[in-house]
């Protein structure tokens, strides 16, 4: 049985990432630094075999994917199923603002209650179903090949949990840096983890470019 190799990447930084402001489905463009990250990612993946490039249709993911796709002379196929979790009325707020304005809802989010949805948003259960179905559908088209999937922090979190068989409420002990390279394998039996959070292409002067993933 042939497996599909997946390069799973979170988009480059946005101004809202820097401000720890919740983005969700709000379409925020890459910052100048995010564009730099995308170009560094493209350089790092320039020698990788990539059969297809898929991205969330939100511009921060799409522009990140385009930077890599240009090096491989491939189109980017947008997939709404790869969007960040919908955060409803949480979007546009910082974490501190949420705790001040909506303390009970913020607590439910902090505790990762699986069936909790911010008003107008999605539950973690809905997000997991959407993401795992979308990625399985895409990966099944490319047995024996490698694909690039560019998405968001919440999407990458779901994929990590699916590959390691961790529950939605398990505390997170892994990082979700912008444009880190994450490697997964997919077969009809599910996902497995190969490597996670490779940020060597972002290291400058011995430092790493890692941001808080809560702003997605």
C-alpha atoms as a PDB file:
ATOM      1  CA  UNK A   1       0.000   0.000   0.000  1.00  0.00           C
ATOM      2  CA  UNK A   2       1.423   3.384  -1.009  1.00  0.00           C
ATOM      3  CA  UNK A   3       1.256   6.238   1.459  1.00  0.00           C
ATOM      4  CA  UNK A   4       1.016   9.955   0.761  1.00  0.00           C
ATOM      5  CA  UNK A   5       3.657  12.215   2.278  1.00  0.00           C
ATOM      6  CA  UNK A   6       2.345  15.542   3.516  1.00  0.00           C
ATOM      7  CA  UNK A   7       4.271  18.732   4.142  1.00  0.00           C
ATOM      8  CA  UNK A   8       1.911  20.585   6.486  1.00  0.00           C
ATOM      9  CA  UNK A   9       2.701  24.258   7.068  1.00  0.00           C
ATOM     10  CA  UNK A  10       1.121  27.097   8.984  1.00  0.00           C
ATOM     11  CA  UNK A  11       0.947  30.413   7.099  1.00  0.00           C
ATOM     12  CA  UNK A  12       3.437  33.234   7.623  1.00  0.00           C
ATOM     13  CA  UNK A  13       3.030  35.877  10.273  1.00  0.00           C
ATOM     14  CA  UNK A  14       0.349  38.586  10.105  1.00  0.00           C
ATOM     15  CA  UNK A  15       0.034  41.830  12.043  1.00  0.00           C
ATOM     16  CA  UNK A  16      -2.747  40.201  14.057  1.00  0.00           C
ATOM     17  CA  UNK A  17      -0.415  37.333  14.962  1.00  0.00           C
ATOM     18  CA  UNK A  18       2.042  39.866  16.318  1.00  0.00           C
ATOM     19  CA  UNK A  19      -0.741  41.501  18.349  1.00  0.00           C
ATOM     20  CA  UNK A  20      -2.087  38.079  19.519  1.00  0.00           C
ATOM     21  CA  UNK A  21      -5.419  39.051  17.966  1.00  0.00           C
ATOM     22  CA  UNK A  22      -7.821  36.238  17.048  1.00  0.00           C
ATOM     23  CA  UNK A  23      -8.170  35.841  13.286  1.00  0.00           C
ATOM     24  CA  UNK A  24     -10.284  32.759  12.607  1.00  0.00           C
ATOM     25  CA  UNK A  25     -12.076  33.270   9.281  1.00  0.00           C
ATOM     26  CA  UNK A  26     -11.185  36.979   9.176  1.00  0.00           C
ATOM     27  CA  UNK A  27      -9.011  37.455   6.090  1.00  0.00           C
ATOM     28  CA  UNK A  28      -5.789  39.129   7.225  1.00  0.00           C
ATOM     29  CA  UNK A  29      -2.832  39.494   4.838  1.00  0.00           C
ATOM     30  CA  UNK A  30       0.762  38.560   5.577  1.00  0.00           C
ATOM     31  CA  UNK A  31       2.935  41.165   7.224  1.00  0.00           C
ATOM     32  CA  UNK A  32       6.306  42.067   5.717  1.00  0.00           C
ATOM     33  CA  UNK A  33       7.870  39.587   8.115  1.00  0.00           C
ATOM     34  CA  UNK A  34       5.332  36.957   7.093  1.00  0.00           C
ATOM     35  CA  UNK A  35       6.288  37.461   3.456  1.00  0.00           C
ATOM     36  CA  UNK A  36       9.942  37.002   4.428  1.00  0.00           C
ATOM     37  CA  UNK A  37       9.027  33.778   6.230  1.00  0.00           C
ATOM     38  CA  UNK A  38       7.163  32.540   3.157  1.00  0.00           C
ATOM     39  CA  UNK A  39      10.187  33.161   0.945  1.00  0.00           C
ATOM     40  CA  UNK A  40      12.468  31.367   3.402  1.00  0.00           C
ATOM     41  CA  UNK A  41      10.029  28.452   3.399  1.00  0.00           C
ATOM     42  CA  UNK A  42      10.024  28.416  -0.400  1.00  0.00           C
ATOM     43  CA  UNK A  43      13.807  28.275  -0.445  1.00  0.00           C
ATOM     44  CA  UNK A  44      13.847  25.465   2.109  1.00  0.00           C
ATOM     45  CA  UNK A  45      11.400  23.382   0.060  1.00  0.00           C
ATOM     46  CA  UNK A  46      12.844  24.224  -3.358  1.00  0.00           C
ATOM     47  CA  UNK A  47      14.458  20.782  -3.779  1.00  0.00           C
ATOM     48  CA  UNK A  48      11.541  18.792  -2.323  1.00  0.00           C
ATOM     49  CA  UNK A  49       9.384  16.792  -4.738  1.00  0.00           C
ATOM     50  CA  UNK A  50       5.887  18.300  -4.495  1.00  0.00           C
ATOM     51  CA  UNK A  51       3.121  16.804  -6.621  1.00  0.00           C
ATOM     52  CA  UNK A  52       0.462  19.353  -5.659  1.00  0.00           C
ATOM     53  CA  UNK A  53       0.037  22.460  -3.530  1.00  0.00           C
ATOM     54  CA  UNK A  54      -3.135  22.947  -1.476  1.00  0.00           C
ATOM     55  CA  UNK A  55      -3.994  25.918   0.725  1.00  0.00           C
ATOM     56  CA  UNK A  56      -6.742  27.487   2.740  1.00  0.00           C
ATOM     57  CA  UNK A  57      -8.537  30.139   0.711  1.00  0.00           C
ATOM     58  CA  UNK A  58      -7.695  32.795   3.321  1.00  0.00           C
ATOM     59  CA  UNK A  59      -5.024  35.126   1.955  1.00  0.00           C
ATOM     60  CA  UNK A  60      -2.429  34.542   4.670  1.00  0.00           C
ATOM     61  CA  UNK A  61      -2.287  30.837   3.777  1.00  0.00           C
ATOM     62  CA  UNK A  62      -2.753  31.336   0.052  1.00  0.00           C
ATOM     63  CA  UNK A  63       0.117  33.833  -0.239  1.00  0.00           C
ATOM     64  CA  UNK A  64       2.402  31.545   1.771  1.00  0.00           C
ATOM     65  CA  UNK A  65       1.557  28.638  -0.528  1.00  0.00           C
ATOM     66  CA  UNK A  66       2.111  30.738  -3.651  1.00  0.00           C
ATOM     67  CA  UNK A  67       5.683  31.492  -2.588  1.00  0.00           C
ATOM     68  CA  UNK A  68       6.467  27.759  -2.594  1.00  0.00           C
ATOM     69  CA  UNK A  69       4.378  26.970  -5.676  1.00  0.00           C
ATOM     70  CA  UNK A  70       6.301  29.509  -7.782  1.00  0.00           C
ATOM     71  CA  UNK A  71       9.527  27.590  -7.159  1.00  0.00           C
ATOM     72  CA  UNK A  72       7.871  24.403  -8.426  1.00  0.00           C
ATOM     73  CA  UNK A  73       5.891  25.985 -11.263  1.00  0.00           C
ATOM     74  CA  UNK A  74       2.651  24.605  -9.850  1.00  0.00           C
ATOM     75  CA  UNK A  75      -0.759  26.140  -9.239  1.00  0.00           C
ATOM     76  CA  UNK A  76      -2.193  26.503  -5.745  1.00  0.00           C
ATOM     77  CA  UNK A  77      -5.489  24.692  -5.225  1.00  0.00           C
ATOM     78  CA  UNK A  78      -7.568  26.504  -2.599  1.00  0.00           C
ATOM     79  CA  UNK A  79      -9.653  24.501  -0.146  1.00  0.00           C
ATOM     80  CA  UNK A  80     -12.125  26.170   2.243  1.00  0.00           C
ATOM     81  CA  UNK A  81     -11.949  22.980   4.317  1.00  0.00           C
ATOM     82  CA  UNK A  82      -8.416  24.018   5.329  1.00  0.00           C
ATOM     83  CA  UNK A  83      -9.580  27.305   6.889  1.00  0.00           C
ATOM     84  CA  UNK A  84      -8.843  28.177  10.483  1.00  0.00           C
ATOM     85  CA  UNK A  85     -11.493  27.405  13.072  1.00  0.00           C
ATOM     86  CA  UNK A  86     -14.338  29.888  12.930  1.00  0.00           C
ATOM     87  CA  UNK A  87     -14.214  31.933  16.135  1.00  0.00           C
ATOM     88  CA  UNK A  88     -17.371  33.979  15.583  1.00  0.00           C
ATOM     89  CA  UNK A  89     -17.521  37.028  17.831  1.00  0.00           C
ATOM     90  CA  UNK A  90     -14.091  36.217  19.284  1.00  0.00           C
ATOM     91  CA  UNK A  91     -12.467  37.333  16.031  1.00  0.00           C
ATOM     92  CA  UNK A  92     -10.647  40.637  16.192  1.00  0.00           C
ATOM     93  CA  UNK A  93     -10.124  40.442  19.970  1.00  0.00           C
ATOM     94  CA  UNK A  94      -6.933  39.742  21.876  1.00  0.00           C
ATOM     95  CA  UNK A  95      -6.827  36.989  24.480  1.00  0.00           C
ATOM     96  CA  UNK A  96      -6.764  39.594  27.276  1.00  0.00           C
ATOM     97  CA  UNK A  97      -9.856  41.271  25.827  1.00  0.00           C
ATOM     98  CA  UNK A  98     -11.699  37.971  25.658  1.00  0.00           C
ATOM     99  CA  UNK A  99     -10.955  37.156  29.288  1.00  0.00           C
ATOM    100  CA  UNK A 100     -12.207  40.595  30.323  1.00  0.00           C
ATOM    101  CA  UNK A 101     -15.348  40.697  28.170  1.00  0.00           C
ATOM    102  CA  UNK A 102     -16.404  37.039  28.017  1.00  0.00           C
ATOM    103  CA  UNK A 103     -14.813  35.285  31.027  1.00  0.00           C
ATOM    104  CA  UNK A 104     -17.020  32.165  30.983  1.00  0.00           C
ATOM    105  CA  UNK A 105     -16.627  31.633  27.264  1.00  0.00           C
ATOM    106  CA  UNK A 106     -12.889  32.314  27.464  1.00  0.00           C
ATOM    107  CA  UNK A 107     -12.589  29.686  30.193  1.00  0.00           C
ATOM    108  CA  UNK A 108     -14.414  27.110  28.065  1.00  0.00           C
ATOM    109  CA  UNK A 109     -12.002  27.858  25.240  1.00  0.00           C
ATOM    110  CA  UNK A 110      -8.977  27.632  27.534  1.00  0.00           C
ATOM    111  CA  UNK A 111     -10.190  24.251  28.819  1.00  0.00           C
ATOM    112  CA  UNK A 112     -10.686  23.037  25.236  1.00  0.00           C
ATOM    113  CA  UNK A 113     -14.288  21.968  25.813  1.00  0.00           C
ATOM    114  CA  UNK A 114     -14.919  19.903  22.641  1.00  0.00           C
ATOM    115  CA  UNK A 115     -18.532  20.948  22.069  1.00  0.00           C
ATOM    116  CA  UNK A 116     -18.082  24.625  22.952  1.00  0.00           C
ATOM    117  CA  UNK A 117     -18.424  27.125  20.115  1.00  0.00           C
ATOM    118  CA  UNK A 118     -17.931  30.886  20.397  1.00  0.00           C
ATOM    119  CA  UNK A 119     -21.177  32.550  19.268  1.00  0.00           C
ATOM    120  CA  UNK A 120     -21.168  32.305  15.485  1.00  0.00           C
ATOM    121  CA  UNK A 121     -18.133  29.988  15.482  1.00  0.00           C
ATOM    122  CA  UNK A 122     -17.221  26.303  15.381  1.00  0.00           C
ATOM    123  CA  UNK A 123     -16.676  23.663  18.042  1.00  0.00           C
ATOM    124  CA  UNK A 124     -13.445  21.695  18.220  1.00  0.00           C
ATOM    125  CA  UNK A 125     -15.436  18.629  17.189  1.00  0.00           C
ATOM    126  CA  UNK A 126     -16.653  20.387  14.048  1.00  0.00           C
ATOM    127  CA  UNK A 127     -13.149  21.615  13.268  1.00  0.00           C
ATOM    128  CA  UNK A 128     -11.666  18.119  13.635  1.00  0.00           C
ATOM    129  CA  UNK A 129     -14.288  16.577  11.363  1.00  0.00           C
ATOM    130  CA  UNK A 130     -13.797  19.248   8.708  1.00  0.00           C
ATOM    131  CA  UNK A 131      -9.998  19.144   8.737  1.00  0.00           C
ATOM    132  CA  UNK A 132      -9.498  15.383   8.861  1.00  0.00           C
ATOM    133  CA  UNK A 133     -12.056  14.837   6.095  1.00  0.00           C
ATOM    134  CA  UNK A 134     -10.467  17.502   3.878  1.00  0.00           C
ATOM    135  CA  UNK A 135      -6.899  16.261   4.343  1.00  0.00           C
ATOM    136  CA  UNK A 136      -7.895  12.629   3.796  1.00  0.00           C
ATOM    137  CA  UNK A 137      -9.679  13.586   0.582  1.00  0.00           C
ATOM    138  CA  UNK A 138      -6.665  15.506  -0.719  1.00  0.00           C
ATOM    139  CA  UNK A 139      -4.089  12.919   0.311  1.00  0.00           C
ATOM    140  CA  UNK A 140      -6.046  10.064  -1.240  1.00  0.00           C
ATOM    141  CA  UNK A 141      -5.524  11.685  -4.657  1.00  0.00           C
ATOM    142  CA  UNK A 142      -1.722  11.319  -4.404  1.00  0.00           C
ATOM    143  CA  UNK A 143      -0.645   7.803  -3.349  1.00  0.00           C
ATOM    144  CA  UNK A 144       3.115   7.465  -3.472  1.00  0.00           C
ATOM    145  CA  UNK A 145       3.581  11.236  -3.830  1.00  0.00           C
ATOM    146  CA  UNK A 146       4.240  14.226  -1.610  1.00  0.00           C
ATOM    147  CA  UNK A 147       1.888  17.214  -1.299  1.00  0.00           C
ATOM    148  CA  UNK A 148       2.101  20.581   0.404  1.00  0.00           C
ATOM    149  CA  UNK A 149      -0.782  21.708   2.613  1.00  0.00           C
ATOM    150  CA  UNK A 150      -0.683  25.307   3.874  1.00  0.00           C
ATOM    151  CA  UNK A 151      -3.221  26.152   6.545  1.00  0.00           C
ATOM    152  CA  UNK A 152      -3.530  27.600  10.065  1.00  0.00           C
ATOM    153  CA  UNK A 153      -2.566  26.949  13.667  1.00  0.00           C
ATOM    154  CA  UNK A 154      -5.847  25.286  14.600  1.00  0.00           C
ATOM    155  CA  UNK A 155      -5.690  23.053  11.526  1.00  0.00           C
ATOM    156  CA  UNK A 156      -2.124  21.995  12.296  1.00  0.00           C
ATOM    157  CA  UNK A 157      -3.109  21.270  15.891  1.00  0.00           C
ATOM    158  CA  UNK A 158      -5.866  18.934  14.674  1.00  0.00           C
ATOM    159  CA  UNK A 159      -3.457  17.141  12.342  1.00  0.00           C
ATOM    160  CA  UNK A 160      -0.888  16.647  15.100  1.00  0.00           C
ATOM    161  CA  UNK A 161      -3.543  15.191  17.405  1.00  0.00           C
ATOM    162  CA  UNK A 162      -4.877  12.924  14.670  1.00  0.00           C
ATOM    163  CA  UNK A 163      -1.387  11.645  13.832  1.00  0.00           C
ATOM    164  CA  UNK A 164      -0.465  10.989  17.466  1.00  0.00           C
ATOM    165  CA  UNK A 165      -3.917   9.757  18.565  1.00  0.00           C
ATOM    166  CA  UNK A 166      -4.312  12.498  21.162  1.00  0.00           C
ATOM    167  CA  UNK A 167      -7.701  13.663  22.359  1.00  0.00           C
ATOM    168  CA  UNK A 168      -8.943  17.172  21.651  1.00  0.00           C
ATOM    169  CA  UNK A 169      -8.708  18.086  25.340  1.00  0.00           C
ATOM    170  CA  UNK A 170      -5.141  16.851  25.828  1.00  0.00           C
ATOM    171  CA  UNK A 171      -2.817  19.712  26.886  1.00  0.00           C
ATOM    172  CA  UNK A 172      -0.651  20.980  24.046  1.00  0.00           C
ATOM    173  CA  UNK A 173       3.054  20.306  24.453  1.00  0.00           C
ATOM    174  CA  UNK A 174       4.059  20.997  20.837  1.00  0.00           C
ATOM    175  CA  UNK A 175       4.673  24.271  19.043  1.00  0.00           C
ATOM    176  CA  UNK A 176       2.887  25.672  15.981  1.00  0.00           C
ATOM    177  CA  UNK A 177       5.342  28.255  14.595  1.00  0.00           C
ATOM    178  CA  UNK A 178       4.558  30.263  11.491  1.00  0.00           C
ATOM    179  CA  UNK A 179       5.944  28.511   8.363  1.00  0.00           C
ATOM    180  CA  UNK A 180       7.494  25.653  10.340  1.00  0.00           C
ATOM    181  CA  UNK A 181       7.814  22.483   8.237  1.00  0.00           C
ATOM    182  CA  UNK A 182       5.803  19.555   9.594  1.00  0.00           C
ATOM    183  CA  UNK A 183       5.932  16.102   8.007  1.00  0.00           C
ATOM    184  CA  UNK A 184       3.125  13.550   8.087  1.00  0.00           C
ATOM    185  CA  UNK A 185       2.231  10.316   6.327  1.00  0.00           C
ATOM    186  CA  UNK A 186      -1.314   9.452   5.274  1.00  0.00           C
ATOM    187  CA  UNK A 187      -2.783   6.069   4.419  1.00  0.00           C
ATOM    188  CA  UNK A 188      -6.398   4.839   4.479  1.00  0.00           C
ATOM    189  CA  UNK A 189      -5.719   3.853   8.106  1.00  0.00           C
ATOM    190  CA  UNK A 190      -5.057   7.484   9.017  1.00  0.00           C
ATOM    191  CA  UNK A 191      -2.209   9.888   9.702  1.00  0.00           C
ATOM    192  CA  UNK A 192       1.167   9.276  11.313  1.00  0.00           C
ATOM    193  CA  UNK A 193       3.836  11.734  12.420  1.00  0.00           C
ATOM    194  CA  UNK A 194       7.283  11.909  10.806  1.00  0.00           C
ATOM    195  CA  UNK A 195       8.663  15.264  11.999  1.00  0.00           C
ATOM    196  CA  UNK A 196       7.348  18.435  13.585  1.00  0.00           C
ATOM    197  CA  UNK A 197       8.125  22.159  13.844  1.00  0.00           C
ATOM    198  CA  UNK A 198      11.296  22.332  11.758  1.00  0.00           C
ATOM    199  CA  UNK A 199      12.206  26.032  11.781  1.00  0.00           C
ATOM    200  CA  UNK A 200      15.850  25.817  10.731  1.00  0.00           C
ATOM    201  CA  UNK A 201      15.083  27.899   7.625  1.00  0.00           C
ATOM    202  CA  UNK A 202      13.957  30.751   9.914  1.00  0.00           C
ATOM    203  CA  UNK A 203      16.980  30.822  12.179  1.00  0.00           C
ATOM    204  CA  UNK A 204      18.947  34.053  12.071  1.00  0.00           C
ATOM    205  CA  UNK A 205      21.880  34.830  14.356  1.00  0.00           C
ATOM    206  CA  UNK A 206      21.171  31.678  16.305  1.00  0.00           C
ATOM    207  CA  UNK A 207      17.562  32.628  17.101  1.00  0.00           C
ATOM    208  CA  UNK A 208      14.272  31.044  16.111  1.00  0.00           C
ATOM    209  CA  UNK A 209      11.235  32.841  14.750  1.00  0.00           C
ATOM    210  CA  UNK A 210       8.461  31.403  16.938  1.00  0.00           C
ATOM    211  CA  UNK A 211       5.173  33.106  17.809  1.00  0.00           C
ATOM    212  CA  UNK A 212       2.227  32.424  20.076  1.00  0.00           C
ATOM    213  CA  UNK A 213      -0.162  30.189  18.139  1.00  0.00           C
ATOM    214  CA  UNK A 214      -3.369  31.253  19.895  1.00  0.00           C
ATOM    215  CA  UNK A 215      -4.090  33.981  17.362  1.00  0.00           C
ATOM    216  CA  UNK A 216      -4.235  31.384  14.557  1.00  0.00           C
END
